[in-house]
Amino acid sequence: WAEATRSFMLGDASTRAYERLRKPNGEQAILMISPPRPVGPA
């Protein structure tokens, strides 16, 4: 998917983010970016 264009998608109430990937041939996929949750206070 290195040649795919990346379009930011509206996220949700969490820390996750999403991008729509589109290859030159029109094939699409979703990139899910879900970093580890920061450790909050006890």
Full PDB file with SEQRES, HELIX, SHEET, SSBOND, CRYST1, ORIGX, SCALE, CONECT and MASTER records, all heavy atoms in Angstrom:
SEQRES   1 A   42  TRP ALA GLU ALA THR ARG SER PHE MET LEU GLY ASP ALA          
SEQRES   2 A   42  SER THR ARG ALA TYR GLU ARG LEU ARG LYS PRO ASN GLY          
SEQRES   3 A   42  GLU GLN ALA ILE LEU MET ILE SER PRO PRO ARG PRO VAL          
SEQRES   4 A   42  GLY PRO ALA                                                  
SHEET    1 AA1 3 THR A   5  MET A   9  0                                        
SHEET    2 AA1 3 ALA A  17  ARG A  22 -1                                        
SHEET    3 AA1 3 GLN A  28  ILE A  33 -1                                        
CRYST1    1.000    1.000    1.000  90.00  90.00  90.00 P 1           1          
ORIGX1      1.000000  0.000000  0.000000        0.00000                         
ORIGX2      0.000000  1.000000  0.000000        0.00000                         
ORIGX3      0.000000  0.000000  1.000000        0.00000                         
SCALE1      1.000000  0.000000  0.000000        0.00000                         
SCALE2      0.000000  1.000000  0.000000        0.00000                         
SCALE3      0.000000  0.000000  1.000000        0.00000                         
ATOM      1  N   TRP A   1       0.813  -1.220   0.000  1.00  0.00           N  
ATOM      2  CA  TRP A   1       0.000   0.000   0.000  1.00  0.00           C  
ATOM      3  C   TRP A   1       0.840   1.261   0.000  1.00  0.00           C  
ATOM      4  O   TRP A   1       0.324   2.361   0.265  1.00  0.00           O  
ATOM      5  CB  TRP A   1      -0.943  -0.003   1.200  1.00  0.00           C  
ATOM      6  CG  TRP A   1      -2.039  -1.011   1.083  1.00  0.00           C  
ATOM      7  CD1 TRP A   1      -2.000  -2.315   1.486  1.00  0.00           C  
ATOM      8  CD2 TRP A   1      -3.315  -0.819   0.469  1.00  0.00           C  
ATOM      9  NE1 TRP A   1      -3.181  -2.950   1.186  1.00  0.00           N  
ATOM     10  CE2 TRP A   1      -4.009  -2.059   0.559  1.00  0.00           C  
ATOM     11  CE3 TRP A   1      -3.944   0.266  -0.135  1.00  0.00           C  
ATOM     12  CZ2 TRP A   1      -5.305  -2.214   0.056  1.00  0.00           C  
ATOM     13  CZ3 TRP A   1      -5.233   0.096  -0.631  1.00  0.00           C  
ATOM     14  CH2 TRP A   1      -5.899  -1.118  -0.538  1.00  0.00           C  
ATOM     15  N   ALA A   2       2.120   1.159  -0.331  1.00  0.00           N  
ATOM     16  CA  ALA A   2       3.011   2.328  -0.272  1.00  0.00           C  
ATOM     17  C   ALA A   2       2.589   3.433  -1.237  1.00  0.00           C  
ATOM     18  O   ALA A   2       2.785   4.616  -0.953  1.00  0.00           O  
ATOM     19  CB  ALA A   2       4.447   1.896  -0.560  1.00  0.00           C  
ATOM     20  N   GLU A   3       2.005   3.066  -2.373  1.00  0.00           N  
ATOM     21  CA  GLU A   3       1.636   4.052  -3.390  1.00  0.00           C  
ATOM     22  C   GLU A   3       0.236   4.618  -3.178  1.00  0.00           C  
ATOM     23  O   GLU A   3      -0.224   5.452  -3.969  1.00  0.00           O  
ATOM     24  CB  GLU A   3       1.730   3.422  -4.780  1.00  0.00           C  
ATOM     25  CG  GLU A   3       3.110   2.888  -5.139  1.00  0.00           C  
ATOM     26  CD  GLU A   3       4.176   3.969  -5.079  1.00  0.00           C  
ATOM     27  OE1 GLU A   3       3.896   5.096  -5.564  1.00  0.00           O  
ATOM     28  OE2 GLU A   3       5.267   3.708  -4.558  1.00  0.00           O  
ATOM     29  N   ALA A   4      -0.447   4.172  -2.151  1.00  0.00           N  
ATOM     30  CA  ALA A   4      -1.824   4.609  -1.926  1.00  0.00           C  
ATOM     31  C   ALA A   4      -1.870   6.046  -1.425  1.00  0.00           C  
ATOM     32  O   ALA A   4      -1.009   6.485  -0.655  1.00  0.00           O  
ATOM     33  CB  ALA A   4      -2.508   3.693  -0.919  1.00  0.00           C  
ATOM     34  N   THR A   5      -2.880   6.784  -1.861  1.00  0.00           N  
ATOM     35  CA  THR A   5      -3.140   8.095  -1.280  1.00  0.00           C  
ATOM     36  C   THR A   5      -3.820   7.889   0.066  1.00  0.00           C  
ATOM     37  O   THR A   5      -4.528   6.895   0.277  1.00  0.00           O  
ATOM     38  CB  THR A   5      -4.036   8.952  -2.183  1.00  0.00           C  
ATOM     39  OG1 THR A   5      -5.275   8.262  -2.413  1.00  0.00           O  
ATOM     40  CG2 THR A   5      -3.355   9.208  -3.519  1.00  0.00           C  
ATOM     41  N   ARG A   6      -3.615   8.819   0.979  1.00  0.00           N  
ATOM     42  CA  ARG A   6      -4.138   8.697   2.331  1.00  0.00           C  
ATOM     43  C   ARG A   6      -5.034   9.884   2.641  1.00  0.00           C  
ATOM     44  O   ARG A   6      -4.609  11.035   2.542  1.00  0.00           O  
ATOM     45  CB  ARG A   6      -2.985   8.615   3.336  1.00  0.00           C  
ATOM     46  CG  ARG A   6      -2.078   7.422   3.123  1.00  0.00           C  
ATOM     47  CD  ARG A   6      -0.779   7.524   3.904  1.00  0.00           C  
ATOM     48  NE  ARG A   6      -1.008   7.660   5.328  1.00  0.00           N  
ATOM     49  CZ  ARG A   6      -0.036   7.802   6.235  1.00  0.00           C  
ATOM     50  NH1 ARG A   6       1.235   7.831   5.829  1.00  0.00           N  
ATOM     51  NH2 ARG A   6      -0.328   7.925   7.518  1.00  0.00           N  
ATOM     52  N   SER A   7      -6.281   9.586   3.006  1.00  0.00           N  
ATOM     53  CA  SER A   7      -7.245  10.637   3.323  1.00  0.00           C  
ATOM     54  C   SER A   7      -7.727  10.454   4.751  1.00  0.00           C  
ATOM     55  O   SER A   7      -8.222   9.388   5.117  1.00  0.00           O  
ATOM     56  CB  SER A   7      -8.451  10.568   2.370  1.00  0.00           C  
ATOM     57  OG  SER A   7      -8.039  10.667   1.025  1.00  0.00           O  
ATOM     58  N   PHE A   8      -7.563  11.500   5.534  1.00  0.00           N  
ATOM     59  CA  PHE A   8      -7.979  11.452   6.934  1.00  0.00           C  
ATOM     60  C   PHE A   8      -9.488  11.275   7.017  1.00  0.00           C  
ATOM     61  O   PHE A   8     -10.256  11.896   6.278  1.00  0.00           O  
ATOM     62  CB  PHE A   8      -7.569  12.727   7.656  1.00  0.00           C  
ATOM     63  CG  PHE A   8      -8.046  12.805   9.083  1.00  0.00           C  
ATOM     64  CD1 PHE A   8      -7.411  12.084  10.075  1.00  0.00           C  
ATOM     65  CD2 PHE A   8      -9.127  13.598   9.423  1.00  0.00           C  
ATOM     66  CE1 PHE A   8      -7.850  12.145  11.398  1.00  0.00           C  
ATOM     67  CE2 PHE A   8      -9.572  13.665  10.735  1.00  0.00           C  
ATOM     68  CZ  PHE A   8      -8.929  12.943  11.714  1.00  0.00           C  
ATOM     69  N   MET A   9      -9.918  10.405   7.922  1.00  0.00           N  
ATOM     70  CA  MET A   9     -11.340  10.197   8.158  1.00  0.00           C  
ATOM     71  C   MET A   9     -11.700  10.730   9.538  1.00  0.00           C  
ATOM     72  O   MET A   9     -10.882  10.734  10.447  1.00  0.00           O  
ATOM     73  CB  MET A   9     -11.676   8.700   8.088  1.00  0.00           C  
ATOM     74  CG  MET A   9     -11.388   8.064   6.746  1.00  0.00           C  
ATOM     75  SD  MET A   9     -11.557   6.259   6.797  1.00  0.00           S  
ATOM     76  CE  MET A   9     -13.316   6.092   7.166  1.00  0.00           C  
ATOM     77  N   LEU A  10     -12.947  11.157   9.662  1.00  0.00           N  
ATOM     78  CA  LEU A  10     -13.414  11.663  10.950  1.00  0.00           C  
ATOM     79  C   LEU A  10     -13.295  10.577  11.989  1.00  0.00           C  
ATOM     80  O   LEU A  10     -13.770   9.454  11.792  1.00  0.00           O  
ATOM     81  CB  LEU A  10     -14.866  12.131  10.840  1.00  0.00           C  
ATOM     82  CG  LEU A  10     -15.470  12.802  12.078  1.00  0.00           C  
ATOM     83  CD1 LEU A  10     -14.739  14.097  12.355  1.00  0.00           C  
ATOM     84  CD2 LEU A  10     -16.957  13.072  11.861  1.00  0.00           C  
ATOM     85  N   GLY A  11     -12.645  10.884  13.110  1.00  0.00           N  
ATOM     86  CA  GLY A  11     -12.446   9.901  14.162  1.00  0.00           C  
ATOM     87  C   GLY A  11     -13.625   9.830  15.110  1.00  0.00           C  
ATOM     88  O   GLY A  11     -14.709  10.320  14.844  1.00  0.00           O  
ATOM     89  N   ASP A  12     -13.425   9.204  16.250  1.00  0.00           N  
ATOM     90  CA  ASP A  12     -14.475   9.074  17.243  1.00  0.00           C  
ATOM     91  C   ASP A  12     -14.040   9.738  18.535  1.00  0.00           C  
ATOM     92  O   ASP A  12     -13.129  10.560  18.555  1.00  0.00           O  
ATOM     93  CB  ASP A  12     -14.843   7.610  17.469  1.00  0.00           C  
ATOM     94  CG  ASP A  12     -13.610   6.747  17.802  1.00  0.00           C  
ATOM     95  OD1 ASP A  12     -12.600   7.330  18.206  1.00  0.00           O  
ATOM     96  OD2 ASP A  12     -13.680   5.520  17.649  1.00  0.00           O  
ATOM     97  N   ALA A  13     -14.704   9.366  19.624  1.00  0.00           N  
ATOM     98  CA  ALA A  13     -14.403  10.005  20.905  1.00  0.00           C  
ATOM     99  C   ALA A  13     -13.128   9.453  21.546  1.00  0.00           C  
ATOM    100  O   ALA A  13     -12.735   9.885  22.617  1.00  0.00           O  
ATOM    101  CB  ALA A  13     -15.581   9.825  21.861  1.00  0.00           C  
ATOM    102  N   SER A  14     -12.486   8.513  20.894  1.00  0.00           N  
ATOM    103  CA  SER A  14     -11.299   7.879  21.460  1.00  0.00           C  
ATOM    104  C   SER A  14     -10.034   8.510  20.906  1.00  0.00           C  
ATOM    105  O   SER A  14     -10.064   9.515  20.198  1.00  0.00           O  
ATOM    106  CB  SER A  14     -11.311   6.385  21.126  1.00  0.00           C  
ATOM    107  OG  SER A  14     -11.011   6.204  19.744  1.00  0.00           O  
ATOM    108  N   THR A  15      -8.882   7.875  21.217  1.00  0.00           N  
ATOM    109  CA  THR A  15      -7.597   8.343  20.698  1.00  0.00           C  
ATOM    110  C   THR A  15      -7.250   7.694  19.369  1.00  0.00           C  
ATOM    111  O   THR A  15      -6.200   7.971  18.814  1.00  0.00           O  
ATOM    112  CB  THR A  15      -6.475   8.036  21.711  1.00  0.00           C  
ATOM    113  OG1 THR A  15      -6.451   6.613  21.966  1.00  0.00           O  
ATOM    114  CG2 THR A  15      -6.705   8.772  23.020  1.00  0.00           C  
ATOM    115  N   ARG A  16      -8.119   6.839  18.857  1.00  0.00           N  
ATOM    116  CA  ARG A  16      -7.849   6.192  17.575  1.00  0.00           C  
ATOM    117  C   ARG A  16      -8.046   7.171  16.422  1.00  0.00           C  
ATOM    118  O   ARG A  16      -8.796   8.140  16.529  1.00  0.00           O  
ATOM    119  CB  ARG A  16      -8.777   4.984  17.376  1.00  0.00           C  
ATOM    120  CG  ARG A  16      -8.535   3.845  18.354  1.00  0.00           C  
ATOM    121  CD  ARG A  16      -9.444   2.672  18.063  1.00  0.00           C  
ATOM    122  NE  ARG A  16     -10.844   3.018  18.208  1.00  0.00           N  
ATOM    123  CZ  ARG A  16     -11.500   3.028  19.366  1.00  0.00           C  
ATOM    124  NH1 ARG A  16     -10.860   2.727  20.486  1.00  0.00           N  
ATOM    125  NH2 ARG A  16     -12.782   3.340  19.424  1.00  0.00           N  
ATOM    126  N   ALA A  17      -7.362   6.877  15.314  1.00  0.00           N  
ATOM    127  CA  ALA A  17      -7.519   7.670  14.094  1.00  0.00           C  
ATOM    128  C   ALA A  17      -7.624   6.713  12.916  1.00  0.00           C  
ATOM    129  O   ALA A  17      -7.167   5.567  12.983  1.00  0.00           O  
ATOM    130  CB  ALA A  17      -6.335   8.622  13.913  1.00  0.00           C  
ATOM    131  N   TYR A  18      -8.230   7.201  11.842  1.00  0.00           N  
ATOM    132  CA  TYR A  18      -8.450   6.365  10.673  1.00  0.00           C  
ATOM    133  C   TYR A  18      -8.129   7.141   9.410  1.00  0.00           C  
ATOM    134  O   TYR A  18      -8.379   8.354   9.330  1.00  0.00           O  
ATOM    135  CB  TYR A  18      -9.915   5.894  10.614  1.00  0.00           C  
ATOM    136  CG  TYR A  18     -10.364   5.144  11.839  1.00  0.00           C  
ATOM    137  CD1 TYR A  18     -10.892   5.823  12.941  1.00  0.00           C  
ATOM    138  CD2 TYR A  18     -10.245   3.766  11.919  1.00  0.00           C  
ATOM    139  CE1 TYR A  18     -11.301   5.148  14.072  1.00  0.00           C  
ATOM    140  CE2 TYR A  18     -10.648   3.075  13.051  1.00  0.00           C  
ATOM    141  CZ  TYR A  18     -11.175   3.773  14.125  1.00  0.00           C  
ATOM    142  OH  TYR A  18     -11.574   3.100  15.261  1.00  0.00           O  
ATOM    143  N   GLU A  19      -7.573   6.438   8.423  1.00  0.00           N  
ATOM    144  CA  GLU A  19      -7.326   7.030   7.115  1.00  0.00           C  
ATOM    145  C   GLU A  19      -7.839   6.066   6.049  1.00  0.00           C  
ATOM    146  O   GLU A  19      -7.712   4.846   6.193  1.00  0.00           O  
ATOM    147  CB  GLU A  19      -5.830   7.280   6.890  1.00  0.00           C  
ATOM    148  CG  GLU A  19      -5.228   8.295   7.846  1.00  0.00           C  
ATOM    149  CD  GLU A  19      -3.735   8.495   7.601  1.00  0.00           C  
ATOM    150  OE1 GLU A  19      -3.242   8.082   6.526  1.00  0.00           O  
ATOM    151  OE2 GLU A  19      -3.055   9.034   8.493  1.00  0.00           O  
ATOM    152  N   ARG A  20      -8.416   6.628   4.999  1.00  0.00           N  
ATOM    153  CA  ARG A  20      -8.815   5.794   3.862  1.00  0.00           C  
ATOM    154  C   ARG A  20      -7.668   5.752   2.868  1.00  0.00           C  
ATOM    155  O   ARG A  20      -7.137   6.780   2.468  1.00  0.00           O  
ATOM    156  CB  ARG A  20     -10.096   6.330   3.228  1.00  0.00           C  
ATOM    157  CG  ARG A  20     -10.528   5.557   2.009  1.00  0.00           C  
ATOM    158  CD  ARG A  20     -11.970   5.822   1.619  1.00  0.00           C  
ATOM    159  NE  ARG A  20     -12.905   4.941   2.324  1.00  0.00           N  
ATOM    160  CZ  ARG A  20     -13.871   5.350   3.134  1.00  0.00           C  
ATOM    161  NH1 ARG A  20     -14.032   6.640   3.367  1.00  0.00           N  
ATOM    162  NH2 ARG A  20     -14.673   4.480   3.731  1.00  0.00           N  
ATOM    163  N   LEU A  21      -7.257   4.549   2.519  1.00  0.00           N  
ATOM    164  CA  LEU A  21      -6.179   4.339   1.559  1.00  0.00           C  
ATOM    165  C   LEU A  21      -6.778   4.033   0.190  1.00  0.00           C  
ATOM    166  O   LEU A  21      -7.752   3.281   0.089  1.00  0.00           O  
ATOM    167  CB  LEU A  21      -5.291   3.170   2.003  1.00  0.00           C  
ATOM    168  CG  LEU A  21      -4.725   3.223   3.428  1.00  0.00           C  
ATOM    169  CD1 LEU A  21      -3.964   1.942   3.732  1.00  0.00           C  
ATOM    170  CD2 LEU A  21      -3.821   4.441   3.599  1.00  0.00           C  
ATOM    171  N   ARG A  22      -6.182   4.596  -0.839  1.00  0.00           N  
ATOM    172  CA  ARG A  22      -6.672   4.344  -2.196  1.00  0.00           C  
ATOM    173  C   ARG A  22      -5.487   4.154  -3.129  1.00  0.00           C  
ATOM    174  O   ARG A  22      -4.670   5.060  -3.312  1.00  0.00           O  
ATOM    175  CB  ARG A  22      -7.551   5.493  -2.687  1.00  0.00           C  
ATOM    176  CG  ARG A  22      -8.184   5.244  -4.066  1.00  0.00           C  
ATOM    177  CD  ARG A  22      -9.052   6.406  -4.505  1.00  0.00           C  
ATOM    178  NE  ARG A  22      -9.648   6.195  -5.805  1.00  0.00           N  
ATOM    179  CZ  ARG A  22     -10.797   5.563  -6.026  1.00  0.00           C  
ATOM    180  NH1 ARG A  22     -11.478   5.099  -4.992  1.00  0.00           N  
ATOM    181  NH2 ARG A  22     -11.272   5.401  -7.246  1.00  0.00           N  
ATOM    182  N   LYS A  23      -5.383   2.960  -3.707  1.00  0.00           N  
ATOM    183  CA  LYS A  23      -4.313   2.668  -4.655  1.00  0.00           C  
ATOM    184  C   LYS A  23      -4.610   3.315  -6.011  1.00  0.00           C  
ATOM    185  O   LYS A  23      -5.767   3.642  -6.302  1.00  0.00           O  
ATOM    186  CB  LYS A  23      -4.179   1.157  -4.836  1.00  0.00           C  
ATOM    187  CG  LYS A  23      -3.603   0.412  -3.643  1.00  0.00           C  
ATOM    188  CD  LYS A  23      -3.452  -1.070  -3.962  1.00  0.00           C  
ATOM    189  CE  LYS A  23      -2.813  -1.829  -2.809  1.00  0.00           C  
ATOM    190  NZ  LYS A  23      -2.653  -3.279  -3.109  1.00  0.00           N  
ATOM    191  N   PRO A  24      -3.604   3.474  -6.844  1.00  0.00           N  
ATOM    192  CA  PRO A  24      -3.840   4.026  -8.181  1.00  0.00           C  
ATOM    193  C   PRO A  24      -4.873   3.229  -8.979  1.00  0.00           C  
ATOM    194  O   PRO A  24      -5.559   3.793  -9.836  1.00  0.00           O  
ATOM    195  CB  PRO A  24      -2.452   3.952  -8.834  1.00  0.00           C  
ATOM    196  CG  PRO A  24      -1.502   4.056  -7.682  1.00  0.00           C  
ATOM    197  CD  PRO A  24      -2.165   3.324  -6.563  1.00  0.00           C  
ATOM    198  N   ASN A  25      -5.026   1.923  -8.708  1.00  0.00           N  
ATOM    199  CA  ASN A  25      -5.998   1.106  -9.436  1.00  0.00           C  
ATOM    200  C   ASN A  25      -7.405   1.202  -8.849  1.00  0.00           C  
ATOM    201  O   ASN A  25      -8.329   0.519  -9.307  1.00  0.00           O  
ATOM    202  CB  ASN A  25      -5.554  -0.351  -9.486  1.00  0.00           C  
ATOM    203  CG  ASN A  25      -5.528  -1.012  -8.095  1.00  0.00           C  
ATOM    204  OD1 ASN A  25      -5.897  -0.397  -7.090  1.00  0.00           O  
ATOM    205  ND2 ASN A  25      -5.073  -2.257  -8.035  1.00  0.00           N  
ATOM    206  N   GLY A  26      -7.583   2.033  -7.818  1.00  0.00           N  
ATOM    207  CA  GLY A  26      -8.898   2.238  -7.216  1.00  0.00           C  
ATOM    208  C   GLY A  26      -9.188   1.382  -6.001  1.00  0.00           C  
ATOM    209  O   GLY A  26     -10.179   1.610  -5.300  1.00  0.00           O  
ATOM    210  N   GLU A  27      -8.354   0.397  -5.719  1.00  0.00           N  
ATOM    211  CA  GLU A  27      -8.565  -0.450  -4.548  1.00  0.00           C  
ATOM    212  C   GLU A  27      -8.449   0.382  -3.274  1.00  0.00           C  
ATOM    213  O   GLU A  27      -7.571   1.237  -3.157  1.00  0.00           O  
ATOM    214  CB  GLU A  27      -7.544  -1.587  -4.540  1.00  0.00           C  
ATOM    215  CG  GLU A  27      -7.744  -2.591  -3.420  1.00  0.00           C  
ATOM    216  CD  GLU A  27      -6.702  -3.697  -3.428  1.00  0.00           C  
ATOM    217  OE1 GLU A  27      -5.866  -3.725  -4.364  1.00  0.00           O  
ATOM    218  OE2 GLU A  27      -6.713  -4.525  -2.507  1.00  0.00           O  
ATOM    219  N   GLN A  28      -9.338   0.114  -2.313  1.00  0.00           N  
ATOM    220  CA  GLN A  28      -9.373   0.905  -1.088  1.00  0.00           C  
ATOM    221  C   GLN A  28      -9.230   0.031   0.153  1.00  0.00           C  
ATOM    222  O   GLN A  28      -9.557  -1.156   0.141  1.00  0.00           O  
ATOM    223  CB  GLN A  28     -10.671   1.712  -0.999  1.00  0.00           C  
ATOM    224  CG  GLN A  28     -10.804   2.785  -2.058  1.00  0.00           C  
ATOM    225  CD  GLN A  28     -11.999   3.693  -1.839  1.00  0.00           C  
ATOM    226  OE1 GLN A  28     -12.096   4.736  -2.462  1.00  0.00           O  
ATOM    227  NE2 GLN A  28     -12.913   3.309  -0.973  1.00  0.00           N  
ATOM    228  N   ALA A  29      -8.740   0.636   1.211  1.00  0.00           N  
ATOM    229  CA  ALA A  29      -8.642  -0.010   2.517  1.00  0.00           C  
ATOM    230  C   ALA A  29      -8.663   1.079   3.577  1.00  0.00           C  
ATOM    231  O   ALA A  29      -8.625   2.274   3.271  1.00  0.00           O  
ATOM    232  CB  ALA A  29      -7.372  -0.854   2.619  1.00  0.00           C  
ATOM    233  N   ILE A  30      -8.731   0.666   4.827  1.00  0.00           N  
ATOM    234  CA  ILE A  30      -8.730   1.601   5.952  1.00  0.00           C  
ATOM    235  C   ILE A  30      -7.469   1.374   6.781  1.00  0.00           C  
ATOM    236  O   ILE A  30      -7.166   0.240   7.165  1.00  0.00           O  
ATOM    237  CB  ILE A  30      -9.969   1.408   6.843  1.00  0.00           C  
ATOM    238  CG1 ILE A  30     -11.256   1.613   6.041  1.00  0.00           C  
ATOM    239  CG2 ILE A  30      -9.917   2.355   8.046  1.00  0.00           C  
ATOM    240  CD1 ILE A  30     -11.429   3.003   5.472  1.00  0.00           C  
ATOM    241  N   LEU A  31      -6.746   2.438   7.030  1.00  0.00           N  
ATOM    242  CA  LEU A  31      -5.617   2.389   7.954  1.00  0.00           C  
ATOM    243  C   LEU A  31      -6.134   2.771   9.336  1.00  0.00           C  
ATOM    244  O   LEU A  31      -6.635   3.882   9.534  1.00  0.00           O  
ATOM    245  CB  LEU A  31      -4.502   3.343   7.516  1.00  0.00           C  
ATOM    246  CG  LEU A  31      -3.350   3.538   8.507  1.00  0.00           C  
ATOM    247  CD1 LEU A  31      -2.583   2.230   8.700  1.00  0.00           C  
ATOM    248  CD2 LEU A  31      -2.414   4.649   8.053  1.00  0.00           C  
ATOM    249  N   MET A  32      -6.025   1.855  10.270  1.00  0.00           N  
ATOM    250  CA  MET A  32      -6.431   2.112  11.652  1.00  0.00           C  
ATOM    251  C   MET A  32      -5.185   2.395  12.471  1.00  0.00           C  
ATOM    252  O   MET A  32      -4.241   1.608  12.480  1.00  0.00           O  
ATOM    253  CB  MET A  32      -7.157   0.893  12.222  1.00  0.00           C  
ATOM    254  CG  MET A  32      -7.575   1.029  13.682  1.00  0.00           C  
ATOM    255  SD  MET A  32      -8.409  -0.484  14.247  1.00  0.00           S  
ATOM    256  CE  MET A  32      -8.788  -0.044  15.945  1.00  0.00           C  
ATOM    257  N   ILE A  33      -5.184   3.544  13.128  1.00  0.00           N  
ATOM    258  CA  ILE A  33      -4.057   3.959  13.962  1.00  0.00           C  
ATOM    259  C   ILE A  33      -4.541   3.949  15.405  1.00  0.00           C  
ATOM    260  O   ILE A  33      -5.324   4.799  15.821  1.00  0.00           O  
ATOM    261  CB  ILE A  33      -3.558   5.354  13.558  1.00  0.00           C  
ATOM    262  CG1 ILE A  33      -3.202   5.378  12.063  1.00  0.00           C  
ATOM    263  CG2 ILE A  33      -2.353   5.773  14.400  1.00  0.00           C  
ATOM    264  CD1 ILE A  33      -2.978   6.765  11.508  1.00  0.00           C  
ATOM    265  N   SER A  34      -4.096   2.956  16.141  1.00  0.00           N  
ATOM    266  CA  SER A  34      -4.588   2.755  17.505  1.00  0.00           C  
ATOM    267  C   SER A  34      -3.402   2.619  18.457  1.00  0.00           C  
ATOM    268  O   SER A  34      -3.038   1.513  18.867  1.00  0.00           O  
ATOM    269  CB  SER A  34      -5.473   1.503  17.563  1.00  0.00           C  
ATOM    270  OG  SER A  34      -6.004   1.307  18.849  1.00  0.00           O  
ATOM    271  N   PRO A  35      -2.786   3.746  18.818  1.00  0.00           N  
ATOM    272  CA  PRO A  35      -1.622   3.678  19.703  1.00  0.00           C  
ATOM    273  C   PRO A  35      -2.005   3.156  21.077  1.00  0.00           C  
ATOM    274  O   PRO A  35      -3.178   3.239  21.484  1.00  0.00           O  
ATOM    275  CB  PRO A  35      -1.151   5.134  19.780  1.00  0.00           C  
ATOM    276  CG  PRO A  35      -2.384   5.940  19.502  1.00  0.00           C  
ATOM    277  CD  PRO A  35      -3.170   5.135  18.502  1.00  0.00           C  
ATOM    278  N   PRO A  36      -1.060   2.606  21.809  1.00  0.00           N  
ATOM    279  CA  PRO A  36      -1.363   2.148  23.169  1.00  0.00           C  
ATOM    280  C   PRO A  36      -1.971   3.271  24.006  1.00  0.00           C  
ATOM    281  O   PRO A  36      -1.566   4.431  23.902  1.00  0.00           O  
ATOM    282  CB  PRO A  36       0.015   1.730  23.714  1.00  0.00           C  
ATOM    283  CG  PRO A  36       0.802   1.377  22.490  1.00  0.00           C  
ATOM    284  CD  PRO A  36       0.345   2.343  21.428  1.00  0.00           C  
ATOM    285  N   ARG A  37      -2.962   2.921  24.787  1.00  0.00           N  
ATOM    286  CA  ARG A  37      -3.629   3.916  25.624  1.00  0.00           C  
ATOM    287  C   ARG A  37      -2.652   4.440  26.682  1.00  0.00           C  
ATOM    288  O   ARG A  37      -2.000   3.652  27.377  1.00  0.00           O  
ATOM    289  CB  ARG A  37      -4.827   3.278  26.318  1.00  0.00           C  
ATOM    290  CG  ARG A  37      -5.669   4.254  27.137  1.00  0.00           C  
ATOM    291  CD  ARG A  37      -6.716   3.498  27.948  1.00  0.00           C  
ATOM    292  NE  ARG A  37      -7.619   2.737  27.098  1.00  0.00           N  
ATOM    293  CZ  ARG A  37      -8.713   3.242  26.540  1.00  0.00           C  
ATOM    294  NH1 ARG A  37      -9.029   4.510  26.744  1.00  0.00           N  
ATOM    295  NH2 ARG A  37      -9.492   2.482  25.794  1.00  0.00           N  
ATOM    296  N   PRO A  38      -2.517   5.754  26.811  1.00  0.00           N  
ATOM    297  CA  PRO A  38      -1.643   6.284  27.860  1.00  0.00           C  
ATOM    298  C   PRO A  38      -2.120   5.819  29.231  1.00  0.00           C  
ATOM    299  O   PRO A  38      -3.318   5.718  29.485  1.00  0.00           O  
ATOM    300  CB  PRO A  38      -1.795   7.815  27.719  1.00  0.00           C  
ATOM    301  CG  PRO A  38      -2.310   8.022  26.334  1.00  0.00           C  
ATOM    302  CD  PRO A  38      -3.143   6.826  26.009  1.00  0.00           C  
ATOM    303  N   VAL A  39      -1.182   5.533  30.094  1.00  0.00           N  
ATOM    304  CA  VAL A  39      -1.529   5.084  31.446  1.00  0.00           C  
ATOM    305  C   VAL A  39      -2.013   6.285  32.254  1.00  0.00           C  
ATOM    306  O   VAL A  39      -1.292   7.257  32.446  1.00  0.00           O  
ATOM    307  CB  VAL A  39      -0.320   4.426  32.135  1.00  0.00           C  
ATOM    308  CG1 VAL A  39      -0.696   4.004  33.554  1.00  0.00           C  
ATOM    309  CG2 VAL A  39       0.167   3.230  31.329  1.00  0.00           C  
ATOM    310  N   GLY A  40      -3.244   6.232  32.682  1.00  0.00           N  
ATOM    311  CA  GLY A  40      -3.814   7.328  33.443  1.00  0.00           C  
ATOM    312  C   GLY A  40      -3.493   7.219  34.930  1.00  0.00           C  
ATOM    313  O   GLY A  40      -2.878   6.254  35.383  1.00  0.00           O  
ATOM    314  N   PRO A  41      -3.913   8.196  35.695  1.00  0.00           N  
ATOM    315  CA  PRO A  41      -3.653   8.166  37.141  1.00  0.00           C  
ATOM    316  C   PRO A  41      -4.458   7.058  37.819  1.00  0.00           C  
ATOM    317  O   PRO A  41      -5.530   6.668  37.347  1.00  0.00           O  
ATOM    318  CB  PRO A  41      -4.126   9.558  37.602  1.00  0.00           C  
ATOM    319  CG  PRO A  41      -5.156   9.956  36.591  1.00  0.00           C  
ATOM    320  CD  PRO A  41      -4.674   9.400  35.283  1.00  0.00           C  
ATOM    321  N   ALA A  42      -3.936   6.551  38.897  1.00  0.00           N  
ATOM    322  CA  ALA A  42      -4.649   5.531  39.662  1.00  0.00           C  
ATOM    323  C   ALA A  42      -5.884   6.169  40.295  1.00  0.00           C  
ATOM    324  O   ALA A  42      -5.805   7.213  40.941  1.00  0.00           O  
ATOM    325  CB  ALA A  42      -3.747   4.944  40.733  1.00  0.00           C  
TER     326      ALA A  42                                                      
MASTER        0    0    0    0    3    0    0    6  325    1    0    4          
END                                                                             
